[in-house]
């Protein structure tokens, strides 16, 4: 950190520093709304502990997966043997369902990994920093102030 930032942080009383708890989330059983017309994406679908640094990467991957699923649902080159062509709304809902079924299992795995890793590293780093600082707030300790 620059000297200016360190000076500001040194002047900040410990009582003004608050801890923001970062907790893991349990994977959702579906990202689809009950009617199948709305789907979750990014942090709304798979917000994860930031320790792995995968949140933005996975949100972009999910966005690309959603686009592929919708485009595929509208692809007329399918070997569709139905006699009644699906409506635009039905195609869109099929695309959303395909996105949910194909992307969610991978995201559930990464979400569980991020939760596990975040909880284990947070626990070990907070206990070592609090023991080395004599119980003081770890912000000053981590910044070597």
N, C-alpha and C. Protein backbone atom coordinates (compact mmCIF):
# COMPACT_ATOMS: atom_id res chain seq x y z
N UNK A 1 0.83 -1.18 0.00
CA UNK A 1 0.00 0.00 0.00
C UNK A 1 0.88 1.25 0.00
N UNK A 2 0.36 2.29 -0.58
CA UNK A 2 1.13 3.54 -0.62
C UNK A 2 1.18 4.15 0.78
N UNK A 3 2.17 5.02 1.04
CA UNK A 3 2.25 5.67 2.36
C UNK A 3 0.99 6.45 2.72
N UNK A 4 0.34 7.06 1.73
CA UNK A 4 -0.89 7.82 1.99
C UNK A 4 -2.00 6.91 2.53
N UNK A 5 -2.16 5.76 1.90
CA UNK A 5 -3.18 4.82 2.35
C UNK A 5 -2.84 4.31 3.75
N UNK A 6 -1.58 4.00 3.99
CA UNK A 6 -1.18 3.52 5.32
C UNK A 6 -1.43 4.58 6.38
N UNK A 7 -1.16 5.86 6.07
CA UNK A 7 -1.40 6.93 7.04
C UNK A 7 -2.89 7.08 7.36
N UNK A 8 -3.72 6.97 6.34
CA UNK A 8 -5.17 7.05 6.57
C UNK A 8 -5.61 5.90 7.46
N UNK A 9 -5.13 4.69 7.16
CA UNK A 9 -5.52 3.53 7.94
C UNK A 9 -4.98 3.58 9.37
N UNK A 10 -3.79 4.14 9.55
CA UNK A 10 -3.24 4.28 10.90
C UNK A 10 -4.09 5.24 11.73
N UNK A 11 -4.61 6.28 11.07
CA UNK A 11 -5.42 7.27 11.78
C UNK A 11 -6.82 6.76 12.08
N UNK A 12 -7.23 5.72 11.42
CA UNK A 12 -8.56 5.16 11.61
C UNK A 12 -8.61 4.38 12.93
N UNK A 13 -9.50 4.77 13.83
CA UNK A 13 -9.58 4.03 15.10
C UNK A 13 -10.10 2.62 14.88
N UNK A 14 -9.56 1.69 15.65
CA UNK A 14 -9.97 0.29 15.53
C UNK A 14 -11.49 0.13 15.67
N UNK A 15 -12.09 0.96 16.51
CA UNK A 15 -13.53 0.83 16.74
C UNK A 15 -14.35 1.17 15.49
N UNK A 16 -13.76 1.90 14.54
CA UNK A 16 -14.47 2.28 13.32
C UNK A 16 -14.35 1.21 12.23
N UNK A 17 -13.50 0.23 12.46
CA UNK A 17 -13.32 -0.84 11.48
C UNK A 17 -14.30 -1.95 11.81
N UNK A 18 -15.04 -2.36 10.81
CA UNK A 18 -15.99 -3.44 11.05
C UNK A 18 -15.61 -4.64 10.19
N UNK A 19 -16.01 -5.77 10.62
CA UNK A 19 -15.72 -6.99 9.89
C UNK A 19 -16.94 -7.38 9.08
N UNK A 20 -16.72 -7.68 7.84
CA UNK A 20 -17.80 -8.13 6.97
C UNK A 20 -17.67 -9.64 6.85
N UNK A 21 -18.67 -10.33 7.30
CA UNK A 21 -18.63 -11.79 7.23
C UNK A 21 -18.87 -12.25 5.80
N UNK A 22 -18.02 -13.14 5.34
CA UNK A 22 -18.20 -13.74 4.03
C UNK A 22 -18.56 -15.20 4.28
N UNK A 23 -19.74 -15.56 3.85
CA UNK A 23 -20.20 -16.92 4.11
C UNK A 23 -20.49 -17.62 2.79
N UNK A 24 -20.40 -18.92 2.82
CA UNK A 24 -20.71 -19.70 1.63
C UNK A 24 -22.21 -19.85 1.46
N UNK A 25 -22.60 -20.14 0.24
CA UNK A 25 -24.02 -20.37 -0.06
C UNK A 25 -24.21 -21.82 -0.46
N UNK A 26 -25.34 -22.34 -0.16
CA UNK A 26 -25.72 -23.68 -0.57
C UNK A 26 -26.20 -23.58 -2.03
N UNK A 27 -25.74 -24.49 -2.89
CA UNK A 27 -26.19 -24.43 -4.29
C UNK A 27 -27.72 -24.54 -4.39
N UNK A 28 -28.28 -23.78 -5.29
CA UNK A 28 -29.73 -23.80 -5.52
C UNK A 28 -30.12 -25.05 -6.29
N UNK A 29 -31.31 -25.55 -6.05
CA UNK A 29 -31.77 -26.74 -6.76
C UNK A 29 -32.12 -26.43 -8.21
N UNK A 30 -32.41 -25.18 -8.51
CA UNK A 30 -32.68 -24.73 -9.88
C UNK A 30 -32.42 -23.24 -9.96
N UNK A 31 -32.11 -22.77 -11.14
CA UNK A 31 -31.97 -21.33 -11.38
C UNK A 31 -33.18 -20.77 -12.11
N UNK A 32 -34.13 -21.63 -12.40
CA UNK A 32 -35.34 -21.23 -13.13
C UNK A 32 -36.44 -20.78 -12.18
N UNK A 33 -37.21 -19.80 -12.62
CA UNK A 33 -38.40 -19.41 -11.87
C UNK A 33 -39.42 -20.54 -11.99
N UNK A 34 -40.41 -20.57 -11.11
CA UNK A 34 -41.41 -21.65 -11.18
C UNK A 34 -42.09 -21.77 -12.55
N UNK A 35 -42.29 -20.66 -13.23
CA UNK A 35 -42.92 -20.72 -14.55
C UNK A 35 -41.94 -20.98 -15.68
N UNK A 36 -40.64 -20.98 -15.37
CA UNK A 36 -39.64 -21.25 -16.40
C UNK A 36 -39.34 -20.11 -17.34
N UNK A 37 -39.81 -18.90 -16.99
CA UNK A 37 -39.63 -17.76 -17.89
C UNK A 37 -38.51 -16.83 -17.46
N UNK A 38 -37.96 -17.04 -16.27
CA UNK A 38 -36.88 -16.21 -15.74
C UNK A 38 -35.80 -17.14 -15.21
N UNK A 39 -34.54 -16.76 -15.45
CA UNK A 39 -33.43 -17.59 -14.99
C UNK A 39 -32.40 -16.70 -14.29
N UNK A 40 -31.74 -17.26 -13.29
CA UNK A 40 -30.69 -16.53 -12.57
C UNK A 40 -29.36 -16.66 -13.30
N UNK A 41 -28.51 -15.64 -13.11
CA UNK A 41 -27.20 -15.62 -13.77
C UNK A 41 -26.20 -14.97 -12.84
N UNK A 42 -24.95 -15.35 -12.91
CA UNK A 42 -23.89 -14.72 -12.14
C UNK A 42 -24.06 -14.93 -10.65
N UNK A 43 -23.76 -13.90 -9.85
CA UNK A 43 -23.85 -14.02 -8.40
C UNK A 43 -25.24 -14.38 -7.91
N UNK A 44 -26.27 -13.98 -8.65
CA UNK A 44 -27.63 -14.35 -8.24
C UNK A 44 -27.81 -15.86 -8.29
N UNK A 45 -27.13 -16.52 -9.21
CA UNK A 45 -27.25 -17.97 -9.35
C UNK A 45 -26.19 -18.70 -8.53
N UNK A 46 -24.97 -18.18 -8.55
CA UNK A 46 -23.87 -18.91 -7.93
C UNK A 46 -22.84 -17.98 -7.30
N UNK A 47 -23.33 -17.07 -6.43
CA UNK A 47 -22.41 -16.21 -5.70
C UNK A 47 -21.52 -17.07 -4.81
N UNK A 48 -20.22 -16.85 -4.89
CA UNK A 48 -19.31 -17.75 -4.18
C UNK A 48 -18.29 -16.98 -3.35
N UNK A 49 -17.67 -17.67 -2.43
CA UNK A 49 -16.62 -17.10 -1.60
C UNK A 49 -15.53 -16.57 -2.53
N UNK A 50 -15.01 -15.38 -2.28
CA UNK A 50 -14.07 -14.76 -3.23
C UNK A 50 -12.65 -15.33 -3.21
N UNK A 51 -12.34 -16.26 -2.34
CA UNK A 51 -10.97 -16.74 -2.18
C UNK A 51 -10.38 -17.29 -3.47
N UNK A 52 -11.16 -18.00 -4.27
CA UNK A 52 -10.63 -18.57 -5.52
C UNK A 52 -10.52 -17.53 -6.64
N UNK A 53 -11.18 -16.40 -6.49
CA UNK A 53 -11.15 -15.38 -7.54
C UNK A 53 -11.89 -15.82 -8.80
N UNK A 54 -12.91 -16.61 -8.65
CA UNK A 54 -13.63 -17.18 -9.80
C UNK A 54 -14.98 -16.53 -10.06
N UNK A 55 -15.42 -15.62 -9.23
CA UNK A 55 -16.77 -15.07 -9.37
C UNK A 55 -17.04 -14.45 -10.73
N UNK A 56 -16.21 -13.52 -11.14
CA UNK A 56 -16.41 -12.85 -12.43
C UNK A 56 -16.20 -13.81 -13.59
N UNK A 57 -15.17 -14.65 -13.50
CA UNK A 57 -14.93 -15.62 -14.57
C UNK A 57 -16.14 -16.52 -14.78
N UNK A 58 -16.68 -17.02 -13.70
CA UNK A 58 -17.81 -17.95 -13.81
C UNK A 58 -19.09 -17.23 -14.25
N UNK A 59 -19.25 -15.97 -13.87
CA UNK A 59 -20.42 -15.20 -14.33
C UNK A 59 -20.35 -15.02 -15.84
N UNK A 60 -19.16 -14.71 -16.36
CA UNK A 60 -19.00 -14.56 -17.81
C UNK A 60 -19.22 -15.91 -18.51
N UNK A 61 -18.71 -16.98 -17.92
CA UNK A 61 -18.93 -18.31 -18.48
C UNK A 61 -20.40 -18.68 -18.49
N UNK A 62 -21.11 -18.31 -17.43
CA UNK A 62 -22.55 -18.59 -17.38
C UNK A 62 -23.31 -17.77 -18.42
N UNK A 63 -22.89 -16.52 -18.62
CA UNK A 63 -23.54 -15.68 -19.64
C UNK A 63 -23.35 -16.30 -21.02
N UNK A 64 -22.13 -16.77 -21.31
CA UNK A 64 -21.86 -17.41 -22.60
C UNK A 64 -22.67 -18.70 -22.74
N UNK A 65 -22.78 -19.45 -21.67
CA UNK A 65 -23.54 -20.69 -21.68
C UNK A 65 -25.02 -20.41 -21.92
N UNK A 66 -25.53 -19.35 -21.31
CA UNK A 66 -26.93 -18.97 -21.50
C UNK A 66 -27.19 -18.59 -22.96
N UNK A 67 -26.30 -17.81 -23.54
CA UNK A 67 -26.46 -17.42 -24.95
C UNK A 67 -26.44 -18.65 -25.85
N UNK A 68 -25.49 -19.56 -25.62
CA UNK A 68 -25.42 -20.79 -26.43
C UNK A 68 -26.70 -21.61 -26.31
N UNK A 69 -27.23 -21.72 -25.11
CA UNK A 69 -28.45 -22.51 -24.90
C UNK A 69 -29.65 -21.89 -25.61
N UNK A 70 -29.75 -20.57 -25.56
CA UNK A 70 -30.88 -19.90 -26.23
C UNK A 70 -30.74 -20.00 -27.74
N UNK A 71 -29.52 -19.76 -28.26
CA UNK A 71 -29.30 -19.87 -29.71
C UNK A 71 -29.60 -21.29 -30.18
N UNK A 72 -29.15 -22.27 -29.40
CA UNK A 72 -29.40 -23.66 -29.76
C UNK A 72 -30.90 -23.98 -29.76
N UNK A 73 -31.63 -23.41 -28.84
CA UNK A 73 -33.08 -23.64 -28.77
C UNK A 73 -33.80 -23.08 -29.99
N UNK A 74 -33.23 -22.04 -30.60
CA UNK A 74 -33.85 -21.42 -31.78
C UNK A 74 -33.28 -21.97 -33.08
N UNK A 75 -32.32 -22.89 -33.00
CA UNK A 75 -31.69 -23.46 -34.19
C UNK A 75 -32.69 -24.33 -34.94
N UNK A 76 -32.98 -23.97 -36.17
CA UNK A 76 -33.95 -24.73 -36.98
C UNK A 76 -33.34 -25.96 -37.62
N UNK A 77 -32.06 -26.18 -37.46
CA UNK A 77 -31.40 -27.35 -38.04
C UNK A 77 -31.55 -28.58 -37.16
N UNK A 78 -32.29 -28.44 -36.07
CA UNK A 78 -32.52 -29.59 -35.18
C UNK A 78 -33.32 -30.66 -35.91
N UNK A 79 -33.07 -31.89 -35.57
CA UNK A 79 -33.87 -32.99 -36.11
C UNK A 79 -35.14 -33.14 -35.28
N UNK A 80 -35.96 -32.12 -35.30
CA UNK A 80 -37.17 -32.11 -34.51
C UNK A 80 -38.27 -32.85 -35.26
N UNK A 81 -38.77 -33.90 -34.65
CA UNK A 81 -39.80 -34.71 -35.31
C UNK A 81 -41.21 -34.31 -34.87
N UNK A 82 -41.33 -33.23 -34.11
CA UNK A 82 -42.66 -32.77 -33.68
C UNK A 82 -43.43 -32.27 -34.90
N UNK A 83 -44.72 -32.52 -34.90
CA UNK A 83 -45.54 -32.02 -35.99
C UNK A 83 -45.98 -30.58 -35.74
N UNK A 84 -45.98 -30.17 -34.48
CA UNK A 84 -46.36 -28.80 -34.14
C UNK A 84 -45.09 -28.05 -33.76
N UNK A 85 -44.82 -26.98 -34.49
CA UNK A 85 -43.61 -26.20 -34.22
C UNK A 85 -43.79 -25.42 -32.92
N UNK A 86 -42.77 -25.43 -32.07
CA UNK A 86 -42.88 -24.67 -30.82
C UNK A 86 -42.91 -23.17 -31.08
N UNK A 87 -43.60 -22.46 -30.22
CA UNK A 87 -43.67 -21.01 -30.33
C UNK A 87 -42.34 -20.40 -29.89
N UNK A 88 -42.17 -19.12 -30.15
CA UNK A 88 -40.97 -18.42 -29.73
C UNK A 88 -40.80 -18.48 -28.22
N UNK A 89 -41.89 -18.31 -27.50
CA UNK A 89 -41.85 -18.37 -26.04
C UNK A 89 -41.43 -19.76 -25.57
N UNK A 90 -41.94 -20.79 -26.21
CA UNK A 90 -41.57 -22.16 -25.83
C UNK A 90 -40.10 -22.43 -26.12
N UNK A 91 -39.61 -21.93 -27.26
CA UNK A 91 -38.19 -22.09 -27.59
C UNK A 91 -37.32 -21.40 -26.55
N UNK A 92 -37.70 -20.18 -26.17
CA UNK A 92 -36.93 -19.45 -25.17
C UNK A 92 -36.92 -20.20 -23.84
N UNK A 93 -38.07 -20.68 -23.42
CA UNK A 93 -38.15 -21.41 -22.16
C UNK A 93 -37.33 -22.71 -22.23
N UNK A 94 -37.31 -23.37 -23.40
CA UNK A 94 -36.48 -24.56 -23.57
C UNK A 94 -34.99 -24.21 -23.44
N UNK A 95 -34.61 -23.07 -24.01
CA UNK A 95 -33.22 -22.61 -23.90
C UNK A 95 -32.82 -22.32 -22.46
N UNK A 96 -33.72 -21.69 -21.72
CA UNK A 96 -33.44 -21.39 -20.31
C UNK A 96 -33.31 -22.68 -19.51
N UNK A 97 -34.18 -23.64 -19.80
CA UNK A 97 -34.11 -24.92 -19.09
C UNK A 97 -32.81 -25.66 -19.44
N UNK A 98 -32.41 -25.61 -20.68
CA UNK A 98 -31.17 -26.26 -21.11
C UNK A 98 -29.97 -25.62 -20.40
N UNK A 99 -29.95 -24.29 -20.31
CA UNK A 99 -28.89 -23.58 -19.58
C UNK A 99 -28.83 -24.05 -18.13
N UNK A 100 -29.98 -24.11 -17.49
CA UNK A 100 -30.04 -24.53 -16.09
C UNK A 100 -29.51 -25.96 -15.92
N UNK A 101 -29.94 -26.85 -16.77
CA UNK A 101 -29.54 -28.26 -16.66
C UNK A 101 -28.07 -28.49 -16.97
N UNK A 102 -27.53 -27.72 -17.91
CA UNK A 102 -26.15 -27.96 -18.34
C UNK A 102 -25.11 -27.18 -17.54
N UNK A 103 -25.43 -25.98 -17.13
CA UNK A 103 -24.43 -25.14 -16.45
C UNK A 103 -24.43 -25.34 -14.93
N UNK A 104 -25.58 -25.55 -14.34
CA UNK A 104 -25.69 -25.60 -12.87
C UNK A 104 -24.84 -26.69 -12.22
N UNK A 105 -24.76 -27.92 -12.75
CA UNK A 105 -23.92 -28.93 -12.08
C UNK A 105 -22.46 -28.51 -11.95
N UNK A 106 -21.90 -27.92 -12.98
CA UNK A 106 -20.50 -27.46 -12.92
C UNK A 106 -20.36 -26.33 -11.90
N UNK A 107 -21.31 -25.42 -11.92
CA UNK A 107 -21.25 -24.29 -10.98
C UNK A 107 -21.44 -24.75 -9.55
N UNK A 108 -22.28 -25.75 -9.34
CA UNK A 108 -22.45 -26.30 -7.99
C UNK A 108 -21.12 -26.82 -7.46
N UNK A 109 -20.36 -27.51 -8.32
CA UNK A 109 -19.07 -28.06 -7.92
C UNK A 109 -18.09 -26.93 -7.57
N UNK A 110 -18.02 -25.91 -8.43
CA UNK A 110 -17.09 -24.79 -8.18
C UNK A 110 -17.53 -24.01 -6.94
N UNK A 111 -18.83 -23.83 -6.76
CA UNK A 111 -19.35 -23.14 -5.58
C UNK A 111 -18.98 -23.88 -4.31
N UNK A 112 -19.14 -25.19 -4.30
CA UNK A 112 -18.77 -25.99 -3.12
C UNK A 112 -17.27 -25.92 -2.86
N UNK A 113 -16.46 -25.96 -3.91
CA UNK A 113 -15.01 -25.85 -3.77
C UNK A 113 -14.63 -24.49 -3.20
N UNK A 114 -15.22 -23.42 -3.73
CA UNK A 114 -14.94 -22.07 -3.23
C UNK A 114 -15.35 -21.93 -1.77
N UNK A 115 -16.49 -22.48 -1.41
CA UNK A 115 -16.94 -22.44 -0.01
C UNK A 115 -15.96 -23.17 0.89
N UNK A 116 -15.58 -24.37 0.48
CA UNK A 116 -14.65 -25.16 1.29
C UNK A 116 -13.32 -24.45 1.44
N UNK A 117 -12.77 -24.02 0.32
CA UNK A 117 -11.46 -23.36 0.36
C UNK A 117 -11.53 -22.05 1.13
N UNK A 118 -12.57 -21.28 0.89
CA UNK A 118 -12.73 -20.00 1.59
C UNK A 118 -12.87 -20.17 3.09
N UNK A 119 -13.63 -21.18 3.50
CA UNK A 119 -13.82 -21.41 4.93
C UNK A 119 -12.54 -21.92 5.58
N UNK A 120 -11.81 -22.78 4.91
CA UNK A 120 -10.59 -23.32 5.52
C UNK A 120 -9.48 -22.27 5.56
N UNK A 121 -9.34 -21.46 4.50
CA UNK A 121 -8.28 -20.45 4.52
C UNK A 121 -8.65 -19.28 5.42
N UNK A 122 -9.92 -18.91 5.46
CA UNK A 122 -10.34 -17.81 6.33
C UNK A 122 -10.14 -18.19 7.79
N UNK A 123 -10.46 -19.41 8.13
CA UNK A 123 -10.32 -19.86 9.51
C UNK A 123 -8.86 -19.90 9.92
N UNK A 124 -8.01 -20.45 9.06
CA UNK A 124 -6.60 -20.57 9.43
C UNK A 124 -5.91 -19.22 9.44
N UNK A 125 -6.24 -18.31 8.49
CA UNK A 125 -5.56 -17.02 8.46
C UNK A 125 -6.04 -16.11 9.58
N UNK A 126 -7.33 -16.19 9.92
CA UNK A 126 -7.82 -15.32 11.00
C UNK A 126 -7.29 -15.78 12.35
N UNK A 127 -7.14 -17.09 12.53
CA UNK A 127 -6.64 -17.55 13.81
C UNK A 127 -5.15 -17.25 13.95
N UNK A 128 -4.40 -17.32 12.84
CA UNK A 128 -2.97 -17.02 12.95
C UNK A 128 -2.74 -15.53 13.10
N UNK A 129 -3.55 -14.68 12.43
CA UNK A 129 -3.34 -13.24 12.56
C UNK A 129 -3.79 -12.75 13.93
N UNK A 130 -4.84 -13.34 14.48
CA UNK A 130 -5.28 -12.87 15.80
C UNK A 130 -4.31 -13.33 16.88
N UNK A 131 -3.69 -14.50 16.68
CA UNK A 131 -2.74 -14.94 17.70
C UNK A 131 -1.46 -14.13 17.63
N UNK A 132 -1.07 -13.68 16.42
CA UNK A 132 0.16 -12.91 16.31
C UNK A 132 -0.05 -11.47 16.73
N UNK A 133 -1.29 -11.00 16.73
CA UNK A 133 -1.54 -9.60 17.07
C UNK A 133 -2.04 -9.45 18.50
N UNK A 134 -2.08 -10.51 19.22
CA UNK A 134 -2.53 -10.43 20.60
C UNK A 134 -4.00 -10.11 20.72
N UNK A 135 -4.80 -10.53 19.71
CA UNK A 135 -6.24 -10.32 19.78
C UNK A 135 -6.70 -9.00 19.19
N UNK A 136 -5.80 -8.17 18.68
CA UNK A 136 -6.20 -6.92 18.06
C UNK A 136 -6.90 -7.19 16.74
N UNK A 137 -7.56 -6.15 16.23
CA UNK A 137 -8.19 -6.28 14.93
C UNK A 137 -7.13 -6.60 13.90
N UNK A 138 -7.41 -7.56 13.02
CA UNK A 138 -6.40 -8.05 12.09
C UNK A 138 -6.11 -7.11 10.93
N UNK A 139 -6.91 -6.04 10.70
CA UNK A 139 -6.67 -5.14 9.58
C UNK A 139 -5.31 -4.48 9.73
N UNK A 140 -5.03 -3.91 10.88
CA UNK A 140 -3.73 -3.27 11.07
C UNK A 140 -2.60 -4.28 11.00
N UNK A 141 -2.82 -5.46 11.50
CA UNK A 141 -1.79 -6.49 11.46
C UNK A 141 -1.49 -6.90 10.03
N UNK A 142 -2.53 -7.11 9.22
CA UNK A 142 -2.32 -7.52 7.85
C UNK A 142 -1.61 -6.47 7.02
N UNK A 143 -1.80 -5.21 7.36
CA UNK A 143 -1.16 -4.13 6.61
C UNK A 143 0.19 -3.75 7.18
N UNK A 144 0.64 -4.46 8.20
CA UNK A 144 1.91 -4.16 8.87
C UNK A 144 1.96 -2.72 9.36
N UNK A 145 0.91 -2.28 10.02
CA UNK A 145 0.86 -0.91 10.51
C UNK A 145 1.34 -0.83 11.94
